[in-house]
Amino acid sequence: MKKLLIILMLWAAILLSAEEQKYIPAYLYSYPQTAVQGITAPIRWTASDWLTAIGIVGIGAGLYVYDEDINQFTKDHKTDFSQDISLAAKQFGEGKYILPAIALTGMGGYVFKSDKTTDTGLLCLKSFILANAATQTLKAITQRERPDANQGKEFFNGGAYQKHRESFPSGHATVAWSVAPIIASQYRASPWVPPLAYGIATLTSCSRVHDNKHWASDAFVGSLIGYLGAQLTLKSTPRLQLYPNPDLQGISFHWEL
C-alpha cells in the first residue's frame, strides 16, 4: 500500500506540468487542515448537531448491547446465496483493490482530459487515507477481539498490546464508506450512481458481520468513520477544474474551496 501511495505522488509530479503542479501544494496542505477540522468539529456544533451525535452514540451503544445476539442470529441464518453476496461485497472493502482503482481513476482522468474523473480520484484518495488513519488508530487503542476468536465482545481485554485485537472498527466498512459518498456526490446527476454506491457500501459493511469477522457495532462505527471522512473531504478540499486555454495551447487549472 505504501508503494501505491508513492506511485500516486510520482504520477502527479511527472504528468502534471509546472503550471498544473501549483495545485499539488494546496491539495496536500488540505490533508492536515481537514484532519484538524474533523478533530475540532464538536467545538462548532449546534444544538441540533449534538442531538444527532447523541442519537448516533445511542445506536452504537444499542448495537454493542446486542452484538452477541446479532452475531448468533447471523450465523444461524446463513445461506449459500448470502455467502455468495457477502464474498462479492467484501471485495469493495479491500484496500489492495480499492487503492489501485483510485490510482487508475486519477490517471485515467488525466490521460482522457476528464477533470471530474481526476478530481474524483484525488478526493477518494484523501478520504481513503484520512478515514483509514482514524480506524487504524482506534483498532490499536480499543484492543477488541474479533467474534471468530470466541473471546467475547469486550474492549480492552487486558494484558499487553496484541496486534490481532483489531476488531473495532471494521476496516472494510471504513474503506467502502470512505469512497461511496465521493462517487455519489461527484456523479449525483445520474439517478442510479448514488443508490448503487451506497448500496454496495452497505453490503460491504454487512458482509463483515455475516462472515463472523466483525461485530455489528464494529461495522457501524467503521461505516460512520468512512462516511464522515468522505463528507469532510468533500467540504474542505480544493477542487480541481480544467479549463481550455487557447493562449497556452492546452489546459489551465483552477482550484477553490
Protein backbone atom coordinates (compact mmCIF):
# COMPACT_ATOMS: atom_id res chain seq x y z
CA MET A 1 0.00 0.00 0.00
CA LYS A 2 2.87 2.38 0.78
CA LYS A 3 4.32 1.72 -2.68
CA LEU A 4 1.00 2.60 -4.29
CA LEU A 5 0.86 5.92 -2.42
CA ILE A 6 4.37 6.74 -3.61
CA ILE A 7 3.36 5.87 -7.18
CA LEU A 8 0.40 8.23 -6.93
CA MET A 9 2.59 11.11 -5.81
CA LEU A 10 5.15 10.38 -8.54
CA TRP A 11 2.34 10.27 -11.07
CA ALA A 12 1.29 13.77 -10.07
CA ALA A 13 4.86 15.09 -10.16
CA ILE A 14 5.70 13.58 -13.55
CA LEU A 15 2.50 14.01 -15.53
CA LEU A 16 1.48 17.48 -14.41
CA SER A 17 3.16 20.47 -15.96
CA ALA A 18 4.76 23.25 -13.93
CA GLU A 19 1.59 25.32 -14.19
CA GLU A 20 -0.61 22.42 -13.20
CA GLN A 21 1.62 21.46 -10.27
CA LYS A 22 0.56 24.64 -8.49
CA TYR A 23 -2.49 22.70 -7.42
CA ILE A 24 -0.49 19.97 -5.64
CA PRO A 25 0.68 22.01 -2.58
CA ALA A 26 -2.86 23.27 -1.97
CA TYR A 27 -4.22 19.73 -2.24
CA LEU A 28 -1.59 18.23 0.08
CA TYR A 29 -1.93 21.05 2.60
CA SER A 30 -5.65 20.31 2.79
CA TYR A 31 -4.89 16.93 4.43
CA PRO A 32 -3.85 18.31 7.84
CA GLN A 33 -6.44 21.06 7.50
CA THR A 34 -9.22 18.51 7.10
CA ALA A 35 -7.86 16.38 9.96
CA VAL A 36 -7.86 19.39 12.28
CA GLN A 37 -11.37 20.36 11.18
CA GLY A 38 -12.59 16.86 11.98
CA ILE A 39 -10.97 16.77 15.42
CA THR A 40 -12.19 20.23 16.40
CA ALA A 41 -15.67 19.91 14.85
CA PRO A 42 -17.50 19.43 18.20
CA ILE A 43 -16.42 22.93 19.22
CA ARG A 44 -18.55 24.33 16.40
CA TRP A 45 -21.55 22.02 16.79
CA THR A 46 -25.01 23.46 17.21
CA ALA A 47 -27.70 22.00 19.48
CA SER A 48 -29.02 20.05 16.51
CA ASP A 49 -25.57 18.62 15.84
CA TRP A 50 -25.24 17.48 19.44
CA LEU A 51 -28.65 15.80 19.32
CA THR A 52 -27.61 13.98 16.16
CA ALA A 53 -24.36 12.90 17.81
CA ILE A 54 -26.22 11.64 20.87
CA GLY A 55 -28.54 9.65 18.63
CA ILE A 56 -25.61 8.08 16.77
CA VAL A 57 -23.89 7.17 20.03
CA GLY A 58 -27.17 5.64 21.19
CA ILE A 59 -27.35 3.46 18.07
CA GLY A 60 -23.76 2.34 18.56
CA ALA A 61 -24.37 1.56 22.22
CA GLY A 62 -27.51 -0.39 21.36
CA LEU A 63 -25.62 -2.46 18.80
CA TYR A 64 -22.92 -3.16 21.38
CA VAL A 65 -25.51 -4.45 23.85
CA TYR A 66 -26.93 -6.83 21.24
CA ASP A 67 -23.68 -7.64 19.43
CA GLU A 68 -23.63 -11.26 20.54
CA ASP A 69 -27.32 -11.78 19.71
CA ILE A 70 -26.85 -10.28 16.25
CA ASN A 71 -23.78 -12.41 15.72
CA GLN A 72 -25.64 -15.60 16.65
CA PHE A 73 -28.68 -14.70 14.53
CA THR A 74 -26.44 -14.11 11.52
CA LYS A 75 -24.65 -17.43 11.95
CA ASP A 76 -27.97 -19.26 12.27
CA HIS A 77 -29.39 -17.80 9.06
CA LYS A 78 -26.55 -18.11 6.59
CA THR A 79 -27.36 -19.50 3.15
CA ASP A 80 -25.35 -20.28 0.05
CA PHE A 81 -26.85 -17.19 -1.58
CA SER A 82 -25.94 -14.92 1.32
CA GLN A 83 -22.39 -16.27 1.30
CA ASP A 84 -22.04 -15.51 -2.41
CA ILE A 85 -23.31 -11.97 -1.92
CA SER A 86 -21.06 -11.46 1.08
CA LEU A 87 -17.99 -12.69 -0.79
CA ALA A 88 -18.63 -10.28 -3.66
CA ALA A 89 -19.39 -7.33 -1.38
CA LYS A 90 -16.28 -7.89 0.72
CA GLN A 91 -14.04 -7.01 -2.22
CA PHE A 92 -15.23 -3.39 -2.17
CA GLY A 93 -13.67 -3.01 1.27
CA GLU A 94 -10.29 -4.43 0.31
CA GLY A 95 -7.69 -1.68 0.28
CA LYS A 96 -5.45 -3.73 -2.02
CA TYR A 97 -8.14 -3.45 -4.70
CA ILE A 98 -9.64 -0.05 -3.95
CA LEU A 99 -6.37 1.88 -3.80
CA PRO A 100 -5.20 0.74 -7.26
CA ALA A 101 -8.69 1.57 -8.56
CA ILE A 102 -8.33 5.08 -7.12
CA ALA A 103 -4.92 5.43 -8.79
CA LEU A 104 -6.31 4.31 -12.14
CA THR A 105 -9.20 6.75 -11.77
CA GLY A 106 -6.88 9.68 -11.21
CA MET A 107 -4.51 8.72 -14.01
CA GLY A 108 -7.38 7.91 -16.36
CA GLY A 109 -8.86 11.34 -15.77
CA TYR A 110 -5.59 12.99 -16.70
CA VAL A 111 -5.00 10.86 -19.79
CA PHE A 112 -8.51 11.39 -21.13
CA LYS A 113 -8.71 15.03 -20.03
CA SER A 114 -11.66 14.49 -17.68
CA ASP A 115 -11.41 17.00 -14.83
CA LYS A 116 -14.24 15.35 -12.91
CA THR A 117 -12.57 11.94 -13.07
CA THR A 118 -9.22 13.33 -11.92
CA ASP A 119 -10.95 15.24 -9.14
CA THR A 120 -12.84 12.12 -8.09
CA GLY A 121 -9.60 10.14 -7.84
CA LEU A 122 -7.92 12.78 -5.69
CA LEU A 123 -10.93 13.13 -3.41
CA CYS A 124 -11.23 9.35 -2.97
CA LEU A 125 -7.51 9.08 -2.18
CA LYS A 126 -7.70 11.75 0.52
CA SER A 127 -10.86 10.32 2.08
CA PHE A 128 -9.38 6.81 2.00
CA ILE A 129 -6.18 7.88 3.76
CA LEU A 130 -7.76 10.06 6.46
CA ALA A 131 -10.60 7.67 7.30
CA ASN A 132 -8.31 4.66 7.49
CA ALA A 133 -5.85 6.54 9.69
CA ALA A 134 -8.67 7.11 12.19
CA THR A 135 -9.81 3.49 12.02
CA GLN A 136 -6.32 2.03 12.44
CA THR A 137 -5.72 4.28 15.44
CA LEU A 138 -8.93 3.10 17.10
CA LYS A 139 -8.07 -0.53 16.36
CA ALA A 140 -4.79 -0.16 18.22
CA ILE A 141 -6.36 1.67 21.16
CA THR A 142 -9.50 -0.38 21.77
CA GLN A 143 -7.93 -3.86 21.52
CA ARG A 144 -11.15 -5.72 20.75
CA GLU A 145 -11.17 -9.38 19.76
CA ARG A 146 -12.94 -10.46 16.59
CA PRO A 147 -16.06 -12.59 17.08
CA ASP A 148 -14.44 -15.64 15.49
CA ALA A 149 -11.82 -15.58 18.29
CA ASN A 150 -14.56 -16.58 20.77
CA GLN A 151 -13.13 -14.24 23.44
CA GLY A 152 -16.21 -12.09 23.98
CA LYS A 153 -17.20 -8.67 22.71
CA GLU A 154 -15.43 -6.54 25.33
CA PHE A 155 -12.91 -3.80 24.64
CA PHE A 156 -9.50 -3.52 26.32
CA ASN A 157 -9.24 -7.24 27.02
CA GLY A 158 -6.29 -6.72 29.32
CA GLY A 159 -2.66 -7.66 29.05
CA ALA A 160 -0.09 -6.20 26.70
CA TYR A 161 -0.91 -4.80 23.28
CA GLN A 162 -1.59 -7.51 20.70
CA LYS A 163 -1.87 -6.76 17.00
CA HIS A 164 -4.57 -9.36 16.35
CA ARG A 165 -7.01 -7.49 18.62
CA GLU A 166 -8.23 -5.26 15.81
CA SER A 167 -11.94 -5.83 15.51
CA PHE A 168 -13.10 -2.28 16.29
CA PRO A 169 -13.86 -0.58 13.96
CA SER A 170 -14.24 -2.52 10.71
CA GLY A 171 -11.57 -1.56 8.21
CA HIS A 172 -13.54 -2.95 5.26
CA ALA A 173 -16.55 -0.84 6.20
CA THR A 174 -14.33 2.23 6.51
CA VAL A 175 -12.80 1.69 3.08
CA ALA A 176 -16.15 1.21 1.34
CA TRP A 177 -17.80 4.18 3.03
CA SER A 178 -14.80 6.48 2.53
CA VAL A 179 -15.29 6.16 -1.22
CA ALA A 180 -19.05 5.72 -1.72
CA PRO A 181 -20.11 9.29 -0.74
CA ILE A 182 -17.43 10.76 -3.02
CA ILE A 183 -18.69 8.82 -6.03
CA ALA A 184 -22.32 9.53 -5.12
CA SER A 185 -21.62 13.25 -4.89
CA GLN A 186 -19.45 13.52 -8.00
CA TYR A 187 -21.95 11.65 -10.17
CA ARG A 188 -25.19 12.64 -8.45
CA ALA A 189 -26.64 13.76 -11.79
CA SER A 190 -27.02 10.08 -12.67
CA PRO A 191 -30.10 8.62 -10.91
CA TRP A 192 -28.53 5.20 -10.41
CA VAL A 193 -25.00 6.03 -9.20
CA PRO A 194 -25.76 7.28 -5.64
CA PRO A 195 -28.04 4.34 -4.68
CA LEU A 196 -25.60 1.88 -6.24
CA ALA A 197 -22.62 3.37 -4.41
CA TYR A 198 -24.38 3.44 -1.05
CA GLY A 199 -25.93 0.03 -1.64
CA ILE A 200 -22.55 -1.59 -2.27
CA ALA A 201 -21.05 0.12 0.78
CA THR A 202 -23.93 -1.14 2.94
CA LEU A 203 -23.49 -4.70 1.67
CA THR A 204 -19.75 -4.48 2.35
CA SER A 205 -20.41 -3.50 5.96
CA CYS A 206 -22.99 -6.26 6.40
CA SER A 207 -20.63 -8.82 4.88
CA ARG A 208 -18.19 -8.40 7.75
CA VAL A 209 -20.89 -9.33 10.27
CA HIS A 210 -22.16 -12.12 8.04
CA ASP A 211 -18.64 -13.62 7.77
CA ASN A 212 -18.17 -13.53 11.56
CA LYS A 213 -15.19 -11.20 11.17
CA HIS A 214 -16.71 -8.22 12.97
CA TRP A 215 -19.37 -7.37 15.50
CA ALA A 216 -22.29 -5.27 14.29
CA SER A 217 -21.03 -2.27 16.28
CA ASP A 218 -17.63 -2.62 14.54
CA ALA A 219 -19.26 -2.40 11.13
CA PHE A 220 -21.47 0.53 12.19
CA VAL A 221 -18.61 2.64 13.54
CA GLY A 222 -16.34 1.75 10.61
CA SER A 223 -19.06 2.87 8.20
CA LEU A 224 -19.58 6.07 10.17
CA ILE A 225 -15.87 6.94 10.11
CA GLY A 226 -15.69 6.36 6.37
CA TYR A 227 -18.82 8.43 5.72
CA LEU A 228 -17.72 11.35 7.90
CA GLY A 229 -14.25 11.26 6.35
CA ALA A 230 -15.79 11.50 2.89
CA GLN A 231 -18.07 14.38 3.86
CA LEU A 232 -15.20 16.30 5.44
CA THR A 233 -13.12 15.69 2.34
CA LEU A 234 -15.85 16.99 0.04
CA LYS A 235 -16.29 20.14 2.12
CA SER A 236 -12.65 21.04 2.78
CA THR A 237 -10.63 20.00 -0.27
CA PRO A 238 -9.52 22.40 -3.03
CA ARG A 239 -11.34 21.30 -6.16
CA LEU A 240 -9.51 20.71 -9.38
CA GLN A 241 -11.12 22.09 -12.53
CA LEU A 242 -9.63 22.10 -16.01
CA TYR A 243 -10.44 24.81 -18.50
CA PRO A 244 -9.39 25.10 -22.18
CA ASN A 245 -6.76 27.81 -22.51
CA PRO A 246 -6.09 28.84 -26.15
CA ASP A 247 -3.24 31.16 -25.10
CA LEU A 248 -1.34 28.26 -23.57
CA GLN A 249 -2.39 25.83 -26.33
CA GLY A 250 -3.53 23.43 -23.66
CA ILE A 251 -5.39 23.49 -20.39
CA SER A 252 -5.17 25.51 -17.21
CA PHE A 253 -6.06 24.55 -13.66
CA HIS A 254 -8.28 26.33 -11.19
CA TRP A 255 -8.94 25.36 -7.61
CA GLU A 256 -11.25 26.65 -4.96
CA LEU A 257 -12.58 25.65 -1.54
